[in-house]
Structures are given as structure tokens and as C-alpha cells.
Amino acid sequence: CVYCATPLERETATLDHVYPRAHGGTDAPGNLVASCVRCNRLKGDLLPQEFFLRFPWAGLNFMRYARAVHRALKRNARRAVSLACAA
């Protein structure tokens, strides 16, 4: 779970809208994260800053997760560009 860092199983994973649809959030991939049912219910329609103020541990885990994903995406993008330029 991006918020509590609990390992997710297919049966327990949910998709959470970081910016809730109730506040104009979309179904775009950048607005969807994997979370457990408990955290998804805790967050509900709260905006990220409201949720992280109430549950600071969730914000810390979210930042760790986001950083790791960002690094992995950058690495893969560099590889793709290198392969495209070499062709």
C-alpha cells in the first residue's frame, strides 16, 4: 500500500484517486495509486494534504513510494531513449 506500506495481494489491493474524483480528480494513471482497503477508506474524499495532515505516516510512505517510482521511470526512460537513438 502506498500509504501504510503493507504488501498488497491481488484480493486486497484497491485503486485510490490521489486527488479524489469528488474534488475534480481524474482516472489518469498519474492520479491512481495502489492502496489497501483500510487506507482507501481512511482517505475517502480527503485531498492529499488533508489526509497527510491527519495521518503523517501515510505522507511519509507516499513520498518514499513516489520517489522510488520516479527513479525507476527515469531509468527506464533513459534506456528507451538510448535504444531509440542507437537504432
N, C-alpha and C. Protein backbone atom coordinates (compact mmCIF):
# COMPACT_ATOMS: atom_id res chain seq x y z
N CYS A 1 0.85 -1.18 0.00
CA CYS A 1 0.00 0.00 0.00
C CYS A 1 0.89 1.24 0.00
N VAL A 2 0.59 2.17 -0.87
CA VAL A 2 1.39 3.39 -0.97
C VAL A 2 1.32 4.23 0.29
N TYR A 3 0.28 4.04 1.10
CA TYR A 3 0.12 4.85 2.30
C TYR A 3 0.65 4.19 3.56
N CYS A 4 0.40 2.89 3.76
CA CYS A 4 0.84 2.24 5.00
C CYS A 4 1.98 1.26 4.78
N ALA A 5 2.37 1.05 3.54
CA ALA A 5 3.49 0.17 3.16
C ALA A 5 3.21 -1.31 3.41
N THR A 6 1.96 -1.69 3.60
CA THR A 6 1.60 -3.09 3.75
C THR A 6 1.67 -3.75 2.38
N PRO A 7 2.32 -4.91 2.28
CA PRO A 7 2.32 -5.62 1.00
C PRO A 7 0.88 -5.95 0.57
N LEU A 8 0.60 -5.78 -0.69
CA LEU A 8 -0.75 -6.00 -1.19
C LEU A 8 -0.84 -7.31 -1.96
N GLU A 9 -1.94 -7.97 -1.78
CA GLU A 9 -2.29 -9.14 -2.58
C GLU A 9 -3.34 -8.67 -3.58
N ARG A 10 -3.48 -9.40 -4.63
CA ARG A 10 -4.46 -9.03 -5.66
C ARG A 10 -5.86 -8.85 -5.05
N GLU A 11 -6.18 -9.70 -4.08
CA GLU A 11 -7.51 -9.66 -3.47
C GLU A 11 -7.71 -8.46 -2.53
N THR A 12 -6.62 -7.90 -2.02
CA THR A 12 -6.75 -6.81 -1.04
C THR A 12 -6.38 -5.44 -1.60
N ALA A 13 -5.91 -5.40 -2.81
CA ALA A 13 -5.49 -4.12 -3.41
C ALA A 13 -6.69 -3.35 -3.95
N THR A 14 -6.65 -2.04 -3.77
CA THR A 14 -7.65 -1.16 -4.37
C THR A 14 -6.90 -0.04 -5.09
N LEU A 15 -7.59 0.63 -5.97
CA LEU A 15 -7.02 1.82 -6.62
C LEU A 15 -7.59 3.04 -5.92
N ASP A 16 -6.70 3.93 -5.50
CA ASP A 16 -7.13 5.16 -4.86
C ASP A 16 -6.82 6.33 -5.78
N HIS A 17 -7.73 7.27 -5.82
CA HIS A 17 -7.50 8.53 -6.55
C HIS A 17 -6.79 9.48 -5.60
N VAL A 18 -5.55 9.84 -5.89
CA VAL A 18 -4.80 10.75 -5.03
C VAL A 18 -5.60 12.04 -4.85
N TYR A 19 -6.00 12.64 -5.95
CA TYR A 19 -6.94 13.76 -5.92
C TYR A 19 -8.31 13.15 -6.20
N PRO A 20 -9.17 13.09 -5.20
CA PRO A 20 -10.45 12.40 -5.34
C PRO A 20 -11.30 12.96 -6.49
N ARG A 21 -12.06 12.06 -7.08
CA ARG A 21 -12.98 12.49 -8.14
C ARG A 21 -13.96 13.53 -7.62
N ALA A 22 -14.31 13.45 -6.34
CA ALA A 22 -15.23 14.43 -5.74
C ALA A 22 -14.65 15.84 -5.76
N HIS A 23 -13.32 15.94 -5.92
CA HIS A 23 -12.66 17.24 -5.97
C HIS A 23 -12.06 17.51 -7.36
N GLY A 24 -12.58 16.82 -8.37
CA GLY A 24 -12.13 17.06 -9.74
C GLY A 24 -11.00 16.15 -10.21
N GLY A 25 -10.60 15.18 -9.39
CA GLY A 25 -9.56 14.24 -9.80
C GLY A 25 -10.04 13.36 -10.94
N THR A 26 -9.10 12.90 -11.74
CA THR A 26 -9.44 12.09 -12.91
C THR A 26 -8.97 10.65 -12.72
N ASP A 27 -9.28 9.83 -13.72
CA ASP A 27 -8.83 8.43 -13.73
C ASP A 27 -7.48 8.29 -14.43
N ALA A 28 -6.77 9.39 -14.63
CA ALA A 28 -5.47 9.35 -15.30
C ALA A 28 -4.50 8.52 -14.47
N PRO A 29 -3.61 7.77 -15.13
CA PRO A 29 -2.66 6.92 -14.40
C PRO A 29 -1.86 7.64 -13.32
N GLY A 30 -1.51 8.88 -13.52
CA GLY A 30 -0.74 9.63 -12.54
C GLY A 30 -1.53 9.99 -11.28
N ASN A 31 -2.84 9.80 -11.32
CA ASN A 31 -3.69 10.12 -10.17
C ASN A 31 -4.16 8.86 -9.45
N LEU A 32 -3.75 7.69 -9.92
CA LEU A 32 -4.17 6.43 -9.33
C LEU A 32 -2.99 5.75 -8.65
N VAL A 33 -3.22 5.28 -7.43
CA VAL A 33 -2.18 4.54 -6.70
C VAL A 33 -2.80 3.29 -6.08
N ALA A 34 -1.97 2.30 -5.83
CA ALA A 34 -2.42 1.08 -5.17
C ALA A 34 -2.45 1.29 -3.67
N SER A 35 -3.57 0.97 -3.06
CA SER A 35 -3.68 1.10 -1.61
C SER A 35 -4.50 -0.05 -1.05
N CYS A 36 -4.36 -0.27 0.24
CA CYS A 36 -5.17 -1.30 0.89
C CYS A 36 -6.56 -0.72 1.15
N VAL A 37 -7.50 -1.60 1.41
CA VAL A 37 -8.87 -1.19 1.65
C VAL A 37 -8.94 -0.23 2.84
N ARG A 38 -8.20 -0.54 3.91
CA ARG A 38 -8.23 0.29 5.12
C ARG A 38 -7.81 1.73 4.82
N CYS A 39 -6.68 1.90 4.15
CA CYS A 39 -6.19 3.25 3.84
C CYS A 39 -7.11 3.96 2.85
N ASN A 40 -7.63 3.24 1.88
CA ASN A 40 -8.54 3.85 0.91
C ASN A 40 -9.77 4.38 1.63
N ARG A 41 -10.27 3.63 2.60
CA ARG A 41 -11.43 4.11 3.37
C ARG A 41 -11.06 5.28 4.28
N LEU A 42 -9.87 5.21 4.90
CA LEU A 42 -9.42 6.31 5.76
C LEU A 42 -9.34 7.61 4.96
N LYS A 43 -8.79 7.51 3.76
CA LYS A 43 -8.61 8.71 2.94
C LYS A 43 -9.93 9.21 2.41
N GLY A 44 -10.78 8.30 1.95
CA GLY A 44 -12.08 8.72 1.43
C GLY A 44 -11.95 9.82 0.40
N ASP A 45 -12.67 10.91 0.59
CA ASP A 45 -12.65 12.05 -0.33
C ASP A 45 -11.73 13.17 0.13
N LEU A 46 -10.82 12.87 1.07
CA LEU A 46 -9.89 13.89 1.54
C LEU A 46 -8.88 14.23 0.44
N LEU A 47 -8.52 15.48 0.35
CA LEU A 47 -7.42 15.88 -0.52
C LEU A 47 -6.12 15.35 0.08
N PRO A 48 -5.08 15.16 -0.73
CA PRO A 48 -3.84 14.60 -0.19
C PRO A 48 -3.32 15.37 1.02
N GLN A 49 -3.30 16.69 0.96
CA GLN A 49 -2.76 17.46 2.07
C GLN A 49 -3.58 17.27 3.35
N GLU A 50 -4.90 17.14 3.22
CA GLU A 50 -5.75 16.88 4.39
C GLU A 50 -5.46 15.51 4.98
N PHE A 51 -5.36 14.52 4.11
CA PHE A 51 -5.08 13.15 4.56
C PHE A 51 -3.72 13.07 5.24
N PHE A 52 -2.70 13.68 4.65
CA PHE A 52 -1.35 13.60 5.21
C PHE A 52 -1.23 14.40 6.51
N LEU A 53 -2.01 15.46 6.67
CA LEU A 53 -2.03 16.19 7.94
C LEU A 53 -2.63 15.34 9.05
N ARG A 54 -3.68 14.62 8.74
CA ARG A 54 -4.32 13.74 9.73
C ARG A 54 -3.51 12.49 10.03
N PHE A 55 -2.84 11.96 9.00
CA PHE A 55 -2.10 10.72 9.11
C PHE A 55 -0.69 10.91 8.54
N PRO A 56 0.21 11.54 9.30
CA PRO A 56 1.55 11.85 8.79
C PRO A 56 2.32 10.62 8.29
N TRP A 57 2.12 9.47 8.91
CA TRP A 57 2.79 8.25 8.47
C TRP A 57 2.44 7.93 7.02
N ALA A 58 1.22 8.24 6.61
CA ALA A 58 0.80 7.98 5.23
C ALA A 58 1.57 8.89 4.26
N GLY A 59 1.77 10.13 4.65
CA GLY A 59 2.52 11.06 3.81
C GLY A 59 3.98 10.64 3.66
N LEU A 60 4.57 10.17 4.74
CA LEU A 60 5.97 9.71 4.67
C LEU A 60 6.11 8.51 3.75
N ASN A 61 5.21 7.54 3.88
CA ASN A 61 5.26 6.38 2.99
C ASN A 61 4.99 6.76 1.55
N PHE A 62 4.04 7.67 1.34
CA PHE A 62 3.72 8.11 -0.01
C PHE A 62 4.93 8.75 -0.67
N MET A 63 5.66 9.59 0.07
CA MET A 63 6.85 10.24 -0.50
C MET A 63 7.92 9.21 -0.85
N ARG A 64 8.12 8.23 0.03
CA ARG A 64 9.11 7.17 -0.27
C ARG A 64 8.72 6.42 -1.53
N TYR A 65 7.47 6.04 -1.62
CA TYR A 65 6.98 5.30 -2.77
C TYR A 65 7.11 6.14 -4.04
N ALA A 66 6.68 7.38 -3.98
CA ALA A 66 6.73 8.25 -5.16
C ALA A 66 8.16 8.44 -5.65
N ARG A 67 9.09 8.60 -4.72
CA ARG A 67 10.49 8.76 -5.09
C ARG A 67 11.02 7.52 -5.81
N ALA A 68 10.70 6.35 -5.27
CA ALA A 68 11.17 5.10 -5.87
C ALA A 68 10.59 4.91 -7.26
N VAL A 69 9.32 5.19 -7.43
CA VAL A 69 8.68 5.05 -8.74
C VAL A 69 9.27 6.05 -9.72
N HIS A 70 9.49 7.28 -9.28
CA HIS A 70 10.06 8.31 -10.15
C HIS A 70 11.44 7.90 -10.64
N ARG A 71 12.28 7.38 -9.74
CA ARG A 71 13.62 6.93 -10.15
C ARG A 71 13.54 5.81 -11.17
N ALA A 72 12.66 4.84 -10.94
CA ALA A 72 12.52 3.71 -11.86
C ALA A 72 12.04 4.18 -13.23
N LEU A 73 11.10 5.10 -13.25
CA LEU A 73 10.60 5.62 -14.52
C LEU A 73 11.69 6.36 -15.28
N LYS A 74 12.49 7.15 -14.57
CA LYS A 74 13.58 7.88 -15.22
C LYS A 74 14.59 6.91 -15.82
N ARG A 75 14.95 5.85 -15.05
CA ARG A 75 15.90 4.86 -15.57
C ARG A 75 15.37 4.21 -16.85
N ASN A 76 14.12 3.80 -16.82
CA ASN A 76 13.54 3.14 -17.99
C ASN A 76 13.42 4.10 -19.17
N ALA A 77 13.11 5.35 -18.91
CA ALA A 77 13.02 6.34 -19.99
C ALA A 77 14.39 6.55 -20.62
N ARG A 78 15.43 6.64 -19.80
CA ARG A 78 16.79 6.81 -20.35
C ARG A 78 17.18 5.63 -21.23
N ARG A 79 16.86 4.42 -20.76
CA ARG A 79 17.16 3.21 -21.57
C ARG A 79 16.42 3.26 -22.89
N ALA A 80 15.15 3.62 -22.86
CA ALA A 80 14.35 3.66 -24.08
C ALA A 80 14.91 4.69 -25.06
N VAL A 81 15.30 5.85 -24.57
CA VAL A 81 15.87 6.89 -25.44
C VAL A 81 17.20 6.41 -26.01
N SER A 82 18.03 5.78 -25.17
CA SER A 82 19.33 5.28 -25.66
C SER A 82 19.14 4.24 -26.76
N LEU A 83 18.19 3.33 -26.56
CA LEU A 83 17.94 2.30 -27.57
C LEU A 83 17.37 2.91 -28.85
N ALA A 84 16.51 3.90 -28.71
CA ALA A 84 15.92 4.54 -29.89
C ALA A 84 16.98 5.30 -30.67
N CYS A 85 17.91 5.94 -29.98
CA CYS A 85 18.96 6.71 -30.66
C CYS A 85 19.99 5.79 -31.30
N ALA A 86 20.18 4.62 -30.74
CA ALA A 86 21.17 3.68 -31.27
C ALA A 86 20.67 3.00 -32.53
N ALA A 87 19.36 2.98 -32.71
CA ALA A 87 18.76 2.27 -33.86
C ALA A 87 18.92 3.02 -35.14
